[in-house]
Amino acid sequence: MKAILIISLSLFYSFSFSQDRDSLIDGFSENLKAYKNTIDGTFLLKKNNKVKFKNLKFILPIWGYFQVLDENNLKFYIDNKGRKQKKTKINLGLCGTVPHYTCEIKIDNDKFIITKDETFYDYGNKEPFEVIDSIKKEGIDKIYFTNKLQKINYNENDFVFNFTKTFPYAVIIEKGTKKGILYNGQLSFYDEIIETKNWITKVKIDNKVGFYNLTEIKYSDLSDFIFGLARFTLEDGKKGYVDINGKEYFD
């Protein structure tokens, strides 16, 4: 009797542990849900309460799909029916009634100021612009936004495909051979500012590249982000993906 009781208790605690260790993170319906294993940090996907995919290293919900990396570091997508897909087919209808902004670089005595003005809901431009940043003029050779101009326009729809943080009013500053990025009062200098795509900027220091305020600057090669992942190569030849939080997943 004692042995039966011990076995029963063991089975109970084993079942309870297996239930508790998987934490629900997202789902498209009652039939398709994603869970995180709180013990080892991997993810699994259940369809109709049955495990469909497991040992996933990364998972991100994106409009009717999950973008994932499996245990072999292979990237693919899972649609809202639980089917594995190589690519996504996303059709979005965008709303036009969203805030629109104009940012400008202006001179104010001995400094440059960066202003931001909402132009869609502020019909007739009755509300004054907001000063969002400033920097002393001394020593600055050139100053401009990432579009190479001293004025930039954007609206909330511009970021709809961005799963990273975005930096729409980042200001480029040239001082001699160095180039810096000013954003929200923080100025960082680099050997080179390579390019800006989708409101994020690739920079270089000592022949190593990275994305401004998103990843470390340590890669010999770094692709653009596709949803939540960017492909990288390190100087030693190791390859993998880096996610929107800077976490790396090696092949």
C-alpha atoms as a PDB file:
ATOM      1  CA  MET A   1       0.000   0.000   0.000  1.00  0.00           C
ATOM      2  CA  LYS A   2       2.830   2.370   0.901  1.00  0.00           C
ATOM      3  CA  ALA A   3       4.585   1.602  -2.398  1.00  0.00           C
ATOM      4  CA  ILE A   4       1.409   2.318  -4.367  1.00  0.00           C
ATOM      5  CA  LEU A   5       1.003   5.632  -2.534  1.00  0.00           C
ATOM      6  CA  ILE A   6       4.594   6.658  -3.303  1.00  0.00           C
ATOM      7  CA  ILE A   7       4.157   5.821  -6.995  1.00  0.00           C
ATOM      8  CA  SER A   8       0.878   7.750  -7.142  1.00  0.00           C
ATOM      9  CA  LEU A   9       2.433  10.802  -5.509  1.00  0.00           C
ATOM     10  CA  SER A  10       5.412  10.624  -7.874  1.00  0.00           C
ATOM     11  CA  LEU A  11       3.141  10.527 -10.905  1.00  0.00           C
ATOM     12  CA  PHE A  12       1.116  13.436  -9.515  1.00  0.00           C
ATOM     13  CA  TYR A  13       4.143  15.641  -8.919  1.00  0.00           C
ATOM     14  CA  SER A  14       5.635  14.691 -12.289  1.00  0.00           C
ATOM     15  CA  PHE A  15       2.417  15.685 -14.035  1.00  0.00           C
ATOM     16  CA  SER A  16       2.136  18.917 -12.041  1.00  0.00           C
ATOM     17  CA  PHE A  17       5.740  19.847 -12.815  1.00  0.00           C
ATOM     18  CA  SER A  18       5.305  19.221 -16.530  1.00  0.00           C
ATOM     19  CA  GLN A  19       2.242  21.496 -16.511  1.00  0.00           C
ATOM     20  CA  ASP A  20       3.864  24.264 -14.471  1.00  0.00           C
ATOM     21  CA  ARG A  21       7.094  24.461 -16.413  1.00  0.00           C
ATOM     22  CA  ASP A  22       5.393  25.429 -19.703  1.00  0.00           C
ATOM     23  CA  SER A  23       4.183  29.027 -19.603  1.00  0.00           C
ATOM     24  CA  LEU A  24       1.712  30.270 -22.229  1.00  0.00           C
ATOM     25  CA  ILE A  25       3.148  33.194 -24.203  1.00  0.00           C
ATOM     26  CA  ASP A  26       0.832  33.565 -27.198  1.00  0.00           C
ATOM     27  CA  GLY A  27      -1.753  31.870 -29.372  1.00  0.00           C
ATOM     28  CA  PHE A  28      -3.852  32.405 -32.461  1.00  0.00           C
ATOM     29  CA  SER A  29      -6.833  30.547 -31.068  1.00  0.00           C
ATOM     30  CA  GLU A  30      -7.820  28.008 -28.458  1.00  0.00           C
ATOM     31  CA  ASN A  31      -6.418  25.351 -30.811  1.00  0.00           C
ATOM     32  CA  LEU A  32      -2.943  26.782 -31.486  1.00  0.00           C
ATOM     33  CA  LYS A  33      -0.783  28.083 -28.643  1.00  0.00           C
ATOM     34  CA  ALA A  34       2.891  28.802 -27.983  1.00  0.00           C
ATOM     35  CA  TYR A  35       4.554  28.031 -24.654  1.00  0.00           C
ATOM     36  CA  LYS A  36       7.908  28.759 -23.073  1.00  0.00           C
ATOM     37  CA  ASN A  37       9.672  26.122 -21.014  1.00  0.00           C
ATOM     38  CA  THR A  38      10.626  27.971 -17.838  1.00  0.00           C
ATOM     39  CA  ILE A  39      13.377  25.429 -17.089  1.00  0.00           C
ATOM     40  CA  ASP A  40      15.506  25.499 -20.250  1.00  0.00           C
ATOM     41  CA  GLY A  41      14.059  28.573 -22.029  1.00  0.00           C
ATOM     42  CA  THR A  42      13.004  26.705 -25.186  1.00  0.00           C
ATOM     43  CA  PHE A  43       9.592  27.046 -26.811  1.00  0.00           C
ATOM     44  CA  LEU A  44       6.959  24.637 -28.040  1.00  0.00           C
ATOM     45  CA  LEU A  45       3.803  24.937 -30.080  1.00  0.00           C
ATOM     46  CA  LYS A  46       0.674  22.951 -29.332  1.00  0.00           C
ATOM     47  CA  LYS A  47      -2.212  22.353 -31.675  1.00  0.00           C
ATOM     48  CA  ASN A  48      -5.378  20.993 -30.056  1.00  0.00           C
ATOM     49  CA  ASN A  49      -3.287  20.419 -26.895  1.00  0.00           C
ATOM     50  CA  LYS A  50      -0.855  18.174 -28.773  1.00  0.00           C
ATOM     51  CA  VAL A  51       2.774  19.175 -29.245  1.00  0.00           C
ATOM     52  CA  LYS A  52       3.306  20.157 -32.882  1.00  0.00           C
ATOM     53  CA  PHE A  53       6.793  21.719 -32.625  1.00  0.00           C
ATOM     54  CA  LYS A  54       9.219  21.579 -29.717  1.00  0.00           C
ATOM     55  CA  ASN A  55      12.754  22.581 -28.707  1.00  0.00           C
ATOM     56  CA  LEU A  56      12.385  25.891 -30.535  1.00  0.00           C
ATOM     57  CA  LYS A  57      15.153  28.378 -29.686  1.00  0.00           C
ATOM     58  CA  PHE A  58      13.221  31.475 -30.765  1.00  0.00           C
ATOM     59  CA  ILE A  59       9.608  32.351 -31.470  1.00  0.00           C
ATOM     60  CA  LEU A  60       7.915  35.613 -32.460  1.00  0.00           C
ATOM     61  CA  PRO A  61       4.260  36.159 -33.406  1.00  0.00           C
ATOM     62  CA  ILE A  62       3.837  38.174 -36.614  1.00  0.00           C
ATOM     63  CA  TRP A  63       0.333  38.694 -38.055  1.00  0.00           C
ATOM     64  CA  GLY A  64      -0.979  35.173 -38.350  1.00  0.00           C
ATOM     65  CA  TYR A  65       2.435  33.490 -38.246  1.00  0.00           C
ATOM     66  CA  PHE A  66       5.133  32.566 -35.797  1.00  0.00           C
ATOM     67  CA  GLN A  67       8.715  33.210 -36.879  1.00  0.00           C
ATOM     68  CA  VAL A  68      10.885  30.520 -35.271  1.00  0.00           C
ATOM     69  CA  LEU A  69      14.341  28.987 -35.000  1.00  0.00           C
ATOM     70  CA  ASP A  70      14.431  25.257 -34.405  1.00  0.00           C
ATOM     71  CA  GLU A  71      17.036  23.314 -32.418  1.00  0.00           C
ATOM     72  CA  ASN A  72      19.276  23.209 -35.531  1.00  0.00           C
ATOM     73  CA  ASN A  73      19.062  27.006 -35.876  1.00  0.00           C
ATOM     74  CA  LEU A  74      16.945  26.771 -39.014  1.00  0.00           C
ATOM     75  CA  LYS A  75      14.579  29.702 -39.527  1.00  0.00           C
ATOM     76  CA  PHE A  76      11.032  29.143 -40.766  1.00  0.00           C
ATOM     77  CA  TYR A  77       7.444  30.213 -40.161  1.00  0.00           C
ATOM     78  CA  ILE A  78       4.400  28.491 -38.698  1.00  0.00           C
ATOM     79  CA  ASP A  79       1.030  29.676 -39.965  1.00  0.00           C
ATOM     80  CA  ASN A  80      -2.179  29.966 -37.952  1.00  0.00           C
ATOM     81  CA  LYS A  81      -3.096  26.395 -38.899  1.00  0.00           C
ATOM     82  CA  GLY A  82       0.108  25.040 -37.382  1.00  0.00           C
ATOM     83  CA  ARG A  83       1.746  24.378 -40.765  1.00  0.00           C
ATOM     84  CA  LYS A  84       5.452  24.921 -41.450  1.00  0.00           C
ATOM     85  CA  GLN A  85       6.140  27.543 -44.122  1.00  0.00           C
ATOM     86  CA  LYS A  86       9.319  28.886 -45.757  1.00  0.00           C
ATOM     87  CA  LYS A  87       7.829  32.342 -46.357  1.00  0.00           C
ATOM     88  CA  THR A  88       4.962  34.499 -45.180  1.00  0.00           C
ATOM     89  CA  LYS A  89       2.065  35.892 -47.179  1.00  0.00           C
ATOM     90  CA  ILE A  90       0.955  38.970 -45.279  1.00  0.00           C
ATOM     91  CA  ASN A  91      -1.624  41.446 -46.545  1.00  0.00           C
ATOM     92  CA  LEU A  92      -2.250  44.402 -44.269  1.00  0.00           C
ATOM     93  CA  GLY A  93      -4.778  47.167 -44.622  1.00  0.00           C
ATOM     94  CA  LEU A  94      -3.277  50.322 -43.155  1.00  0.00           C
ATOM     95  CA  CYS A  95      -5.261  53.087 -41.540  1.00  0.00           C
ATOM     96  CA  GLY A  96      -4.535  56.575 -42.896  1.00  0.00           C
ATOM     97  CA  THR A  97      -5.749  58.389 -39.783  1.00  0.00           C
ATOM     98  CA  VAL A  98      -2.551  58.089 -37.764  1.00  0.00           C
ATOM     99  CA  PRO A  99      -0.238  60.790 -36.368  1.00  0.00           C
ATOM    100  CA  HIS A 100       2.107  62.391 -38.915  1.00  0.00           C
ATOM    101  CA  TYR A 101       5.270  64.143 -37.791  1.00  0.00           C
ATOM    102  CA  THR A 102       7.751  66.619 -39.217  1.00  0.00           C
ATOM    103  CA  CYS A 103      11.133  66.963 -37.523  1.00  0.00           C
ATOM    104  CA  GLU A 104      13.565  69.759 -38.325  1.00  0.00           C
ATOM    105  CA  ILE A 105      17.074  70.859 -37.378  1.00  0.00           C
ATOM    106  CA  LYS A 106      17.152  74.559 -36.561  1.00  0.00           C
ATOM    107  CA  ILE A 107      19.694  77.050 -35.251  1.00  0.00           C
ATOM    108  CA  ASP A 108      19.026  78.657 -31.880  1.00  0.00           C
ATOM    109  CA  ASN A 109      21.873  81.019 -30.967  1.00  0.00           C
ATOM    110  CA  ASP A 110      24.916  78.837 -30.173  1.00  0.00           C
ATOM    111  CA  LYS A 111      23.204  75.482 -30.579  1.00  0.00           C
ATOM    112  CA  PHE A 112      21.253  73.304 -32.941  1.00  0.00           C
ATOM    113  CA  ILE A 113      17.785  72.295 -31.815  1.00  0.00           C
ATOM    114  CA  ILE A 114      15.737  69.376 -33.110  1.00  0.00           C
ATOM    115  CA  THR A 115      12.015  70.045 -33.290  1.00  0.00           C
ATOM    116  CA  LYS A 116       9.046  67.721 -33.704  1.00  0.00           C
ATOM    117  CA  ASP A 117       5.647  68.804 -34.958  1.00  0.00           C
ATOM    118  CA  GLU A 118       2.494  66.686 -35.344  1.00  0.00           C
ATOM    119  CA  THR A 119       0.865  67.736 -38.621  1.00  0.00           C
ATOM    120  CA  PHE A 120      -2.161  65.465 -39.219  1.00  0.00           C
ATOM    121  CA  TYR A 121      -4.433  65.969 -36.199  1.00  0.00           C
ATOM    122  CA  ASP A 122      -3.142  69.500 -35.654  1.00  0.00           C
ATOM    123  CA  TYR A 123      -5.203  70.858 -38.531  1.00  0.00           C
ATOM    124  CA  GLY A 124      -3.988  74.317 -39.478  1.00  0.00           C
ATOM    125  CA  ASN A 125      -0.797  73.775 -37.465  1.00  0.00           C
ATOM    126  CA  LYS A 126      -2.147  75.683 -34.454  1.00  0.00           C
ATOM    127  CA  GLU A 127      -0.080  73.827 -31.878  1.00  0.00           C
ATOM    128  CA  PRO A 128       3.594  74.847 -31.527  1.00  0.00           C
ATOM    129  CA  PHE A 129       6.397  72.412 -32.306  1.00  0.00           C
ATOM    130  CA  GLU A 130       8.195  70.569 -29.519  1.00  0.00           C
ATOM    131  CA  VAL A 131      11.948  70.811 -28.974  1.00  0.00           C
ATOM    132  CA  ILE A 132      13.072  67.208 -28.523  1.00  0.00           C
ATOM    133  CA  ASP A 133      16.872  67.560 -28.583  1.00  0.00           C
ATOM    134  CA  SER A 134      19.730  70.031 -28.820  1.00  0.00           C
ATOM    135  CA  ILE A 135      23.511  70.184 -29.181  1.00  0.00           C
ATOM    136  CA  LYS A 136      26.149  72.928 -29.150  1.00  0.00           C
ATOM    137  CA  LYS A 137      27.196  74.138 -32.624  1.00  0.00           C
ATOM    138  CA  GLU A 138      30.876  74.333 -31.712  1.00  0.00           C
ATOM    139  CA  GLY A 139      33.023  71.779 -33.552  1.00  0.00           C
ATOM    140  CA  ILE A 140      30.221  70.373 -35.697  1.00  0.00           C
ATOM    141  CA  ASP A 141      31.046  70.267 -39.400  1.00  0.00           C
ATOM    142  CA  LYS A 142      27.734  68.851 -40.651  1.00  0.00           C
ATOM    143  CA  ILE A 143      24.413  67.897 -39.097  1.00  0.00           C
ATOM    144  CA  TYR A 144      21.466  66.159 -40.769  1.00  0.00           C
ATOM    145  CA  PHE A 145      18.843  63.427 -40.412  1.00  0.00           C
ATOM    146  CA  THR A 146      19.277  59.916 -41.822  1.00  0.00           C
ATOM    147  CA  ASN A 147      17.707  61.073 -45.111  1.00  0.00           C
ATOM    148  CA  LYS A 148      20.710  63.453 -45.504  1.00  0.00           C
ATOM    149  CA  LEU A 149      18.425  66.487 -45.052  1.00  0.00           C
ATOM    150  CA  GLN A 150      17.608  68.856 -42.208  1.00  0.00           C
ATOM    151  CA  LYS A 151      13.935  67.918 -42.313  1.00  0.00           C
ATOM    152  CA  ILE A 152      12.337  64.482 -42.093  1.00  0.00           C
ATOM    153  CA  ASN A 153       8.700  63.347 -42.234  1.00  0.00           C
ATOM    154  CA  TYR A 154       7.225  60.118 -40.918  1.00  0.00           C
ATOM    155  CA  ASN A 155       3.998  58.639 -39.635  1.00  0.00           C
ATOM    156  CA  GLU A 156       3.009  55.669 -37.477  1.00  0.00           C
ATOM    157  CA  ASN A 157       2.412  53.458 -40.526  1.00  0.00           C
ATOM    158  CA  ASP A 158       6.094  53.715 -41.434  1.00  0.00           C
ATOM    159  CA  PHE A 159       6.930  51.332 -38.583  1.00  0.00           C
ATOM    160  CA  VAL A 160       4.285  48.682 -39.179  1.00  0.00           C
ATOM    161  CA  PHE A 161       6.812  46.094 -40.407  1.00  0.00           C
ATOM    162  CA  ASN A 162       9.389  46.931 -37.733  1.00  0.00           C
ATOM    163  CA  PHE A 163       9.674  44.541 -34.832  1.00  0.00           C
ATOM    164  CA  THR A 164      12.831  46.289 -33.628  1.00  0.00           C
ATOM    165  CA  LYS A 165      13.008  49.607 -31.869  1.00  0.00           C
ATOM    166  CA  THR A 166      13.070  52.466 -34.379  1.00  0.00           C
ATOM    167  CA  PHE A 167      14.872  55.806 -34.380  1.00  0.00           C
ATOM    168  CA  PRO A 168      12.941  58.088 -36.756  1.00  0.00           C
ATOM    169  CA  TYR A 169      14.519  61.388 -35.731  1.00  0.00           C
ATOM    170  CA  ALA A 170      18.102  60.178 -35.282  1.00  0.00           C
ATOM    171  CA  VAL A 171      20.508  62.994 -36.168  1.00  0.00           C
ATOM    172  CA  ILE A 172      23.857  62.388 -37.870  1.00  0.00           C
ATOM    173  CA  ILE A 173      26.700  64.638 -36.730  1.00  0.00           C
ATOM    174  CA  GLU A 174      30.055  64.953 -38.476  1.00  0.00           C
ATOM    175  CA  LYS A 175      33.108  66.095 -36.502  1.00  0.00           C
ATOM    176  CA  GLY A 176      36.305  65.684 -38.507  1.00  0.00           C
ATOM    177  CA  THR A 177      36.670  62.040 -39.482  1.00  0.00           C
ATOM    178  CA  LYS A 178      34.160  60.830 -36.911  1.00  0.00           C
ATOM    179  CA  LYS A 179      30.419  60.506 -37.367  1.00  0.00           C
ATOM    180  CA  GLY A 180      28.003  60.433 -34.486  1.00  0.00           C
ATOM    181  CA  ILE A 181      24.335  59.694 -33.879  1.00  0.00           C
ATOM    182  CA  LEU A 182      22.321  61.936 -31.565  1.00  0.00           C
ATOM    183  CA  TYR A 183      19.059  60.561 -30.244  1.00  0.00           C
ATOM    184  CA  ASN A 184      17.126  61.596 -27.151  1.00  0.00           C
ATOM    185  CA  GLY A 185      20.109  63.426 -25.697  1.00  0.00           C
ATOM    186  CA  GLN A 186      22.584  60.583 -26.213  1.00  0.00           C
ATOM    187  CA  LEU A 187      25.486  61.093 -28.632  1.00  0.00           C
ATOM    188  CA  SER A 188      27.592  58.134 -29.808  1.00  0.00           C
ATOM    189  CA  PHE A 189      30.484  58.274 -32.304  1.00  0.00           C
ATOM    190  CA  TYR A 190      31.513  55.677 -34.892  1.00  0.00           C
ATOM    191  CA  ASP A 191      34.148  55.202 -37.574  1.00  0.00           C
ATOM    192  CA  GLU A 192      31.418  54.938 -40.172  1.00  0.00           C
ATOM    193  CA  ILE A 193      27.651  55.191 -40.416  1.00  0.00           C
ATOM    194  CA  ILE A 194      26.973  52.706 -43.175  1.00  0.00           C
ATOM    195  CA  GLU A 195      23.290  53.098 -44.003  1.00  0.00           C
ATOM    196  CA  THR A 196      19.805  53.480 -42.592  1.00  0.00           C
ATOM    197  CA  LYS A 197      16.981  51.169 -43.649  1.00  0.00           C
ATOM    198  CA  ASN A 198      13.529  50.940 -42.106  1.00  0.00           C
ATOM    199  CA  TRP A 199      14.489  53.514 -39.478  1.00  0.00           C
ATOM    200  CA  ILE A 200      17.432  51.560 -38.056  1.00  0.00           C
ATOM    201  CA  THR A 201      21.078  52.357 -38.767  1.00  0.00           C
ATOM    202  CA  LYS A 202      24.081  50.114 -39.358  1.00  0.00           C
ATOM    203  CA  VAL A 203      27.355  51.463 -37.934  1.00  0.00           C
ATOM    204  CA  LYS A 204      31.018  50.432 -37.914  1.00  0.00           C
ATOM    205  CA  ILE A 205      33.900  50.603 -35.415  1.00  0.00           C
ATOM    206  CA  ASP A 206      37.319  49.001 -36.086  1.00  0.00           C
ATOM    207  CA  ASN A 207      35.924  47.142 -39.117  1.00  0.00           C
ATOM    208  CA  LYS A 208      33.181  45.572 -37.003  1.00  0.00           C
ATOM    209  CA  VAL A 209      29.521  46.320 -37.677  1.00  0.00           C
ATOM    210  CA  GLY A 210      26.316  46.411 -35.697  1.00  0.00           C
ATOM    211  CA  PHE A 211      22.951  48.127 -35.516  1.00  0.00           C
ATOM    212  CA  TYR A 212      22.740  51.368 -33.563  1.00  0.00           C
ATOM    213  CA  ASN A 213      21.196  50.816 -30.119  1.00  0.00           C
ATOM    214  CA  LEU A 214      20.050  47.295 -31.090  1.00  0.00           C
ATOM    215  CA  THR A 215      23.084  44.998 -31.231  1.00  0.00           C
ATOM    216  CA  GLU A 216      26.703  44.942 -30.208  1.00  0.00           C
ATOM    217  CA  ILE A 217      29.194  46.251 -32.767  1.00  0.00           C
ATOM    218  CA  LYS A 218      31.153  43.031 -33.193  1.00  0.00           C
ATOM    219  CA  TYR A 219      30.186  41.384 -36.479  1.00  0.00           C
ATOM    220  CA  SER A 220      32.195  41.006 -39.674  1.00  0.00           C
ATOM    221  CA  ASP A 221      28.921  40.706 -41.580  1.00  0.00           C
ATOM    222  CA  LEU A 222      25.365  41.510 -40.536  1.00  0.00           C
ATOM    223  CA  SER A 223      22.223  41.301 -42.653  1.00  0.00           C
ATOM    224  CA  ASP A 224      19.092  43.411 -42.294  1.00  0.00           C
ATOM    225  CA  PHE A 225      16.425  42.320 -39.842  1.00  0.00           C
ATOM    226  CA  ILE A 226      13.677  40.175 -41.277  1.00  0.00           C
ATOM    227  CA  PHE A 227      10.939  40.587 -38.692  1.00  0.00           C
ATOM    228  CA  GLY A 228      12.709  39.572 -35.467  1.00  0.00           C
ATOM    229  CA  LEU A 229      15.992  38.111 -36.729  1.00  0.00           C
ATOM    230  CA  ALA A 230      19.165  39.272 -38.500  1.00  0.00           C
ATOM    231  CA  ARG A 231      21.815  36.904 -39.852  1.00  0.00           C
ATOM    232  CA  PHE A 232      25.401  37.493 -38.669  1.00  0.00           C
ATOM    233  CA  THR A 233      28.977  36.281 -39.106  1.00  0.00           C
ATOM    234  CA  LEU A 234      31.672  36.849 -36.472  1.00  0.00           C
ATOM    235  CA  GLU A 235      35.354  37.504 -37.196  1.00  0.00           C
ATOM    236  CA  ASP A 236      36.183  33.903 -36.269  1.00  0.00           C
ATOM    237  CA  GLY A 237      33.699  32.624 -38.868  1.00  0.00           C
ATOM    238  CA  LYS A 238      30.957  31.597 -36.451  1.00  0.00           C
ATOM    239  CA  LYS A 239      27.474  32.281 -37.811  1.00  0.00           C
ATOM    240  CA  GLY A 240      23.991  32.612 -36.454  1.00  0.00           C
ATOM    241  CA  TYR A 241      21.095  34.969 -35.850  1.00  0.00           C
ATOM    242  CA  VAL A 242      20.686  37.931 -33.517  1.00  0.00           C
ATOM    243  CA  ASP A 243      17.201  38.895 -32.344  1.00  0.00           C
ATOM    244  CA  ILE A 244      15.592  42.287 -31.686  1.00  0.00           C
ATOM    245  CA  ASN A 245      16.880  42.251 -28.099  1.00  0.00           C
ATOM    246  CA  GLY A 246      20.482  41.509 -29.085  1.00  0.00           C
ATOM    247  CA  LYS A 247      20.380  37.822 -28.091  1.00  0.00           C
ATOM    248  CA  GLU A 248      22.439  35.519 -30.317  1.00  0.00           C
ATOM    249  CA  TYR A 249      21.553  32.056 -31.617  1.00  0.00           C
ATOM    250  CA  PHE A 250      24.523  30.170 -33.096  1.00  0.00           C
ATOM    251  CA  ASP A 251      24.418  27.562 -35.845  1.00  0.00           C
END
